[in-house]
Amino acid sequence: MGPLMVRVEGDRCRLRMQPERKHSNLQDMIHGAVTLALIDISLFAAMRTLTGNEGARAVTLELSTQFIGAGVMDRPLDSVVEVLRETGRMLFLRGQVEQGDHLVAAFSGLVRKAISS
C-alpha cells in the first residue's frame, strides 16, 4: 500500500494514502482492490485511534462496500471512518472513501475485537 497517514478528526479517523502507478487498473484509475484494502486497514486504524483497542488479534467479520465513483491517480485517497457502536467483543463502523469532495465509496464493517487471555 505504501506509506499511510492517520489523523483523528473529532469522532472520526482519517487514513490517507498517495496512489502510485502500482495501484492503478488498466483504465489508469485506482484499482478497486486497492480501495478495498484501504477500507479494511482503516477499520483497524479507527479501532486503535478512536477506541484504544489493540488490533493485533482482531478480525474483520463483515465488510459491505458500495463503489460510487472512480478514484483518480493524482490525488490522495482518504478513508474516513466513525464508530457506530462498541460492545464487549464487536465494533460496528461505517465510513467513506473520498478524494477531496469526490466520493469514491461508502462502506460499513464489523470487527471482532481480540479477546484477552
C-alpha atoms as a PDB file:
ATOM      1  CA  MET A   1       0.000   0.000   0.000  1.00  0.00           C
ATOM      2  CA  GLY A   2       2.881   2.374   0.653  1.00  0.00           C
ATOM      3  CA  PRO A   3       3.033   4.969   3.427  1.00  0.00           C
ATOM      4  CA  LEU A   4      -0.251   5.592   5.240  1.00  0.00           C
ATOM      5  CA  MET A   5      -1.071   8.632   7.358  1.00  0.00           C
ATOM      6  CA  VAL A   6      -3.601   8.546  10.198  1.00  0.00           C
ATOM      7  CA  ARG A   7      -5.331  11.511  11.781  1.00  0.00           C
ATOM      8  CA  VAL A   8      -8.158  11.779  14.302  1.00  0.00           C
ATOM      9  CA  GLU A   9     -10.768  14.392  13.381  1.00  0.00           C
ATOM     10  CA  GLY A  10     -13.190  14.666  16.279  1.00  0.00           C
ATOM     11  CA  ASP A  11     -15.110  11.383  16.388  1.00  0.00           C
ATOM     12  CA  ARG A  12     -13.686  10.184  13.057  1.00  0.00           C
ATOM     13  CA  CYS A  13     -10.431   8.681  11.878  1.00  0.00           C
ATOM     14  CA  ARG A  14      -8.904   9.595   8.504  1.00  0.00           C
ATOM     15  CA  LEU A  15      -6.466   7.191   6.831  1.00  0.00           C
ATOM     16  CA  ARG A  16      -4.687   8.622   3.772  1.00  0.00           C
ATOM     17  CA  MET A  17      -2.649   7.021   1.035  1.00  0.00           C
ATOM     18  CA  GLN A  18      -0.978   8.540  -2.009  1.00  0.00           C
ATOM     19  CA  PRO A  19      -1.723   6.394  -5.088  1.00  0.00           C
ATOM     20  CA  GLU A  20       1.219   5.167  -7.135  1.00  0.00           C
ATOM     21  CA  ARG A  21       1.398   3.507 -10.556  1.00  0.00           C
ATOM     22  CA  LYS A  22       1.216   0.051  -8.897  1.00  0.00           C
ATOM     23  CA  HIS A  23      -2.251   0.969  -7.536  1.00  0.00           C
ATOM     24  CA  SER A  24      -3.798   1.597 -10.977  1.00  0.00           C
ATOM     25  CA  ASN A  25      -6.004  -0.568 -13.151  1.00  0.00           C
ATOM     26  CA  LEU A  26      -5.999  -0.790 -16.960  1.00  0.00           C
ATOM     27  CA  GLN A  27      -8.096   2.394 -17.163  1.00  0.00           C
ATOM     28  CA  ASP A  28      -5.441   4.325 -15.200  1.00  0.00           C
ATOM     29  CA  MET A  29      -7.771   4.724 -12.207  1.00  0.00           C
ATOM     30  CA  ILE A  30      -7.253   3.394  -8.672  1.00  0.00           C
ATOM     31  CA  HIS A  31      -7.905  -0.353  -8.674  1.00  0.00           C
ATOM     32  CA  GLY A  32     -10.986  -1.411  -6.683  1.00  0.00           C
ATOM     33  CA  ALA A  33      -8.929  -3.946  -4.722  1.00  0.00           C
ATOM     34  CA  VAL A  34      -6.668  -1.126  -3.512  1.00  0.00           C
ATOM     35  CA  THR A  35      -9.735   0.797  -2.347  1.00  0.00           C
ATOM     36  CA  LEU A  36     -10.971  -2.308  -0.507  1.00  0.00           C
ATOM     37  CA  ALA A  37      -7.572  -2.813   1.129  1.00  0.00           C
ATOM     38  CA  LEU A  38      -7.545   0.815   2.283  1.00  0.00           C
ATOM     39  CA  ILE A  39     -11.033   0.375   3.739  1.00  0.00           C
ATOM     40  CA  ASP A  40     -10.090  -2.773   5.651  1.00  0.00           C
ATOM     41  CA  ILE A  41      -6.931  -1.188   7.056  1.00  0.00           C
ATOM     42  CA  SER A  42      -8.919   1.919   8.021  1.00  0.00           C
ATOM     43  CA  LEU A  43     -11.288  -0.173  10.164  1.00  0.00           C
ATOM     44  CA  PHE A  44      -8.327  -1.160  12.328  1.00  0.00           C
ATOM     45  CA  ALA A  45      -6.838   2.338  12.324  1.00  0.00           C
ATOM     46  CA  ALA A  46     -10.189   3.650  13.587  1.00  0.00           C
ATOM     47  CA  MET A  47     -10.429   0.912  16.200  1.00  0.00           C
ATOM     48  CA  ARG A  48      -6.998   1.789  17.567  1.00  0.00           C
ATOM     49  CA  THR A  49      -7.246   5.588  17.452  1.00  0.00           C
ATOM     50  CA  LEU A  50     -10.902   6.059  18.405  1.00  0.00           C
ATOM     51  CA  THR A  51     -11.392   3.297  20.996  1.00  0.00           C
ATOM     52  CA  GLY A  52      -7.866   2.443  22.129  1.00  0.00           C
ATOM     53  CA  ASN A  53      -8.398  -1.238  21.362  1.00  0.00           C
ATOM     54  CA  GLU A  54      -5.370  -3.132  20.130  1.00  0.00           C
ATOM     55  CA  GLY A  55      -5.996  -4.653  16.702  1.00  0.00           C
ATOM     56  CA  ALA A  56      -3.290  -7.317  16.720  1.00  0.00           C
ATOM     57  CA  ARG A  57      -5.651 -10.311  17.018  1.00  0.00           C
ATOM     58  CA  ALA A  58      -8.874  -8.651  15.879  1.00  0.00           C
ATOM     59  CA  VAL A  59     -10.520  -9.778  12.626  1.00  0.00           C
ATOM     60  CA  THR A  60     -12.878  -8.305  10.055  1.00  0.00           C
ATOM     61  CA  LEU A  61     -16.139 -10.260  10.170  1.00  0.00           C
ATOM     62  CA  GLU A  62     -18.090  -8.273   7.613  1.00  0.00           C
ATOM     63  CA  LEU A  63     -17.374  -5.540   5.115  1.00  0.00           C
ATOM     64  CA  SER A  64     -20.045  -4.064   2.848  1.00  0.00           C
ATOM     65  CA  THR A  65     -18.843  -1.631   0.197  1.00  0.00           C
ATOM     66  CA  GLN A  66     -20.624   0.430  -2.411  1.00  0.00           C
ATOM     67  CA  PHE A  67     -18.378   1.814  -5.155  1.00  0.00           C
ATOM     68  CA  ILE A  68     -19.722   5.223  -6.111  1.00  0.00           C
ATOM     69  CA  GLY A  69     -17.057   6.859  -8.298  1.00  0.00           C
ATOM     70  CA  ALA A  70     -13.641   6.124  -9.734  1.00  0.00           C
ATOM     71  CA  GLY A  71     -10.544   7.097  -7.775  1.00  0.00           C
ATOM     72  CA  VAL A  72      -8.022   9.165  -9.731  1.00  0.00           C
ATOM     73  CA  MET A  73      -4.280   8.614  -9.521  1.00  0.00           C
ATOM     74  CA  ASP A  74      -3.105  12.191  -8.980  1.00  0.00           C
ATOM     75  CA  ARG A  75      -4.849  12.919  -5.644  1.00  0.00           C
ATOM     76  CA  PRO A  76      -4.583  11.375  -2.163  1.00  0.00           C
ATOM     77  CA  LEU A  77      -7.172   8.727  -1.329  1.00  0.00           C
ATOM     78  CA  ASP A  78      -8.761   9.053   2.139  1.00  0.00           C
ATOM     79  CA  SER A  79     -10.868   6.626   4.130  1.00  0.00           C
ATOM     80  CA  VAL A  80     -12.856   8.439   6.820  1.00  0.00           C
ATOM     81  CA  VAL A  81     -14.312   6.131   9.495  1.00  0.00           C
ATOM     82  CA  GLU A  82     -16.575   6.508  12.509  1.00  0.00           C
ATOM     83  CA  VAL A  83     -17.520   4.032  15.236  1.00  0.00           C
ATOM     84  CA  LEU A  84     -21.256   3.395  15.374  1.00  0.00           C
ATOM     85  CA  ARG A  85     -21.257   1.093  18.390  1.00  0.00           C
ATOM     86  CA  GLU A  86     -18.843  -0.866  20.513  1.00  0.00           C
ATOM     87  CA  THR A  87     -19.767  -3.952  22.536  1.00  0.00           C
ATOM     88  CA  GLY A  88     -17.604  -6.294  24.575  1.00  0.00           C
ATOM     89  CA  ARG A  89     -16.485  -8.251  21.512  1.00  0.00           C
ATOM     90  CA  MET A  90     -17.654  -6.283  18.487  1.00  0.00           C
ATOM     91  CA  LEU A  91     -17.060  -2.935  16.842  1.00  0.00           C
ATOM     92  CA  PHE A  92     -19.532  -1.555  14.290  1.00  0.00           C
ATOM     93  CA  LEU A  93     -18.077   1.041  11.917  1.00  0.00           C
ATOM     94  CA  ARG A  94     -19.001   2.978   8.800  1.00  0.00           C
ATOM     95  CA  GLY A  95     -17.279   5.397   6.516  1.00  0.00           C
ATOM     96  CA  GLN A  96     -16.492   6.835   3.116  1.00  0.00           C
ATOM     97  CA  VAL A  97     -13.556   6.828   0.759  1.00  0.00           C
ATOM     98  CA  GLU A  98     -13.032  10.244  -0.751  1.00  0.00           C
ATOM     99  CA  GLN A  99     -10.700  12.414  -2.764  1.00  0.00           C
ATOM    100  CA  GLY A 100     -11.451  15.946  -1.667  1.00  0.00           C
ATOM    101  CA  ASP A 101     -15.159  16.441  -2.360  1.00  0.00           C
ATOM    102  CA  HIS A 102     -15.316  13.434  -4.746  1.00  0.00           C
ATOM    103  CA  LEU A 103     -16.909  10.333  -3.189  1.00  0.00           C
ATOM    104  CA  VAL A 104     -15.263   7.064  -4.269  1.00  0.00           C
ATOM    105  CA  ALA A 105     -17.017   4.544  -1.992  1.00  0.00           C
ATOM    106  CA  ALA A 106     -19.184   4.112   1.091  1.00  0.00           C
ATOM    107  CA  PHE A 107     -18.828   1.198   3.491  1.00  0.00           C
ATOM    108  CA  SER A 108     -19.812  -0.415   6.768  1.00  0.00           C
ATOM    109  CA  GLY A 109     -17.884  -3.026   8.667  1.00  0.00           C
ATOM    110  CA  LEU A 110     -17.975  -5.299  11.675  1.00  0.00           C
ATOM    111  CA  VAL A 111     -14.765  -6.134  13.523  1.00  0.00           C
ATOM    112  CA  ARG A 112     -14.442  -8.794  16.205  1.00  0.00           C
ATOM    113  CA  LYS A 113     -12.093  -7.446  18.840  1.00  0.00           C
ATOM    114  CA  ALA A 114      -9.283  -9.535  20.293  1.00  0.00           C
ATOM    115  CA  ILE A 115     -10.248 -11.464  23.383  1.00  0.00           C
ATOM    116  CA  SER A 116      -7.985 -11.056  26.385  1.00  0.00           C
ATOM    117  CA  SER A 117      -6.341 -14.247  27.558  1.00  0.00           C
END
